[in-house]
Amino acid sequence: MQKKSGLLLILAWLSGLLGLLLGLVLEPLWFARFGSLVVLFSLMSEYTLLHSELNRLYAGLSKVDSEDDIPDLSPSKWHNKKVWLSHITIVVGTLIWGFGDLLI
């Protein structure tokens, strides 16, 4: 699941770059249209990250006994970075989607 979210983020940024190239070469509206794909892929990435984190938490909680100490259930730093990158990509994709043709 972790690799899937990374691939979706890469797809989001690649579709933004493809839209920028098409917007510069053909017509600026292409850049704005590809902004919707940026948002779509980044939302899919964020959902995947959330789903994998919840599965990890439930698996960790099932291992907790009443006599044991509570294990560290915090997400990894890499996971947090991908979550923030997904948030930023959603905002950037929304701005491209709404104003991409005006930016070029």
Protein backbone atom coordinates (compact mmCIF):
# COMPACT_ATOMS: atom_id res chain seq x y z
CA MET A 1 0.00 0.00 0.00
CA GLN A 2 2.86 2.37 0.74
CA LYS A 3 4.29 1.99 -2.75
CA LYS A 4 0.87 2.53 -4.30
CA SER A 5 0.49 5.93 -2.62
CA GLY A 6 3.93 6.99 -3.84
CA LEU A 7 3.13 5.91 -7.39
CA LEU A 8 -0.12 7.86 -7.29
CA LEU A 9 1.73 10.98 -6.17
CA ILE A 10 4.22 10.53 -8.99
CA LEU A 11 1.32 10.14 -11.43
CA ALA A 12 -0.23 13.34 -10.06
CA TRP A 13 2.92 15.38 -10.63
CA LEU A 14 3.58 13.80 -14.04
CA SER A 15 0.06 14.60 -15.19
CA GLY A 16 0.59 18.19 -14.04
CA LEU A 17 3.81 18.40 -16.03
CA LEU A 18 2.15 16.85 -19.08
CA GLY A 19 -0.70 19.33 -18.78
CA LEU A 20 1.80 22.19 -18.53
CA LEU A 21 3.57 21.04 -21.67
CA LEU A 22 0.30 20.66 -23.56
CA GLY A 23 -0.82 24.04 -22.26
CA LEU A 24 2.34 25.71 -23.51
CA VAL A 25 2.38 23.94 -26.89
CA LEU A 26 -1.30 23.64 -27.82
CA GLU A 27 -3.72 25.65 -25.72
CA PRO A 28 -3.68 26.89 -22.09
CA LEU A 29 -6.97 25.12 -21.34
CA TRP A 30 -5.10 21.80 -21.39
CA PHE A 31 -3.14 22.83 -18.31
CA ALA A 32 -6.35 23.55 -16.42
CA ARG A 33 -7.94 20.28 -17.53
CA PHE A 34 -4.99 18.24 -16.33
CA GLY A 35 -5.34 19.90 -12.93
CA SER A 36 -8.34 17.66 -12.34
CA LEU A 37 -6.11 14.60 -12.83
CA VAL A 38 -3.59 16.03 -10.37
CA VAL A 39 -6.36 16.35 -7.78
CA LEU A 40 -7.76 12.89 -8.58
CA PHE A 41 -4.42 11.08 -8.23
CA SER A 42 -3.45 12.96 -5.08
CA LEU A 43 -6.81 12.23 -3.44
CA MET A 44 -6.39 8.57 -4.31
CA SER A 45 -2.92 8.69 -2.74
CA GLU A 46 -4.25 10.30 0.42
CA TYR A 47 -7.02 7.72 0.71
CA THR A 48 -4.49 4.92 0.27
CA LEU A 49 -2.27 6.43 2.97
CA LEU A 50 -5.19 6.75 5.37
CA HIS A 51 -6.43 3.24 4.68
CA SER A 52 -2.99 1.68 5.16
CA GLU A 53 -2.44 3.62 8.40
CA LEU A 54 -5.77 2.50 9.81
CA ASN A 55 -5.00 -1.12 8.93
CA ARG A 56 -1.62 -0.82 10.65
CA LEU A 57 -3.20 0.70 13.75
CA TYR A 58 -5.86 -2.00 14.01
CA ALA A 59 -3.22 -4.70 13.60
CA GLY A 60 -1.11 -3.07 16.32
CA LEU A 61 -4.04 -2.71 18.69
CA SER A 62 -4.98 -6.35 18.36
CA LYS A 63 -1.54 -7.31 19.70
CA VAL A 64 -1.92 -5.24 22.87
CA ASP A 65 -2.49 -7.24 26.05
CA SER A 66 -3.64 -5.77 29.33
CA GLU A 67 -0.30 -6.63 30.97
CA ASP A 68 1.90 -5.24 28.21
CA ASP A 69 2.95 -1.67 27.67
CA ILE A 70 1.22 0.16 24.88
CA PRO A 71 3.36 -0.14 21.74
CA ASP A 72 4.41 2.85 19.70
CA LEU A 73 1.64 3.23 17.14
CA SER A 74 2.80 6.54 15.66
CA PRO A 75 3.28 6.66 11.89
CA SER A 76 6.72 6.76 10.37
CA LYS A 77 8.34 10.01 9.29
CA TRP A 78 8.20 8.89 5.66
CA HIS A 79 4.45 8.29 5.99
CA ASN A 80 3.95 11.78 7.43
CA LYS A 81 5.97 13.32 4.60
CA LYS A 82 3.83 11.56 2.00
CA VAL A 83 0.66 12.77 3.76
CA TRP A 84 1.90 16.37 3.64
CA LEU A 85 2.98 15.97 0.02
CA SER A 86 -0.51 14.68 -0.79
CA HIS A 87 -2.08 17.71 0.92
CA ILE A 88 0.16 20.12 -0.98
CA THR A 89 -0.50 18.31 -4.26
CA ILE A 90 -4.26 18.58 -3.73
CA VAL A 91 -3.97 22.34 -3.19
CA VAL A 92 -1.65 22.82 -6.18
CA GLY A 93 -3.89 20.65 -8.39
CA THR A 94 -6.97 22.60 -7.34
CA LEU A 95 -5.25 25.89 -8.21
CA ILE A 96 -4.17 24.47 -11.57
CA TRP A 97 -7.66 23.15 -12.22
CA GLY A 98 -9.30 26.47 -11.42
CA PHE A 99 -6.76 28.96 -12.74
CA GLY A 100 -4.34 26.98 -14.92
CA ASP A 101 -5.45 28.52 -18.20
CA LEU A 102 -5.03 32.01 -16.71
CA LEU A 103 -1.58 31.24 -15.34
CA ILE A 104 -0.19 30.44 -18.80
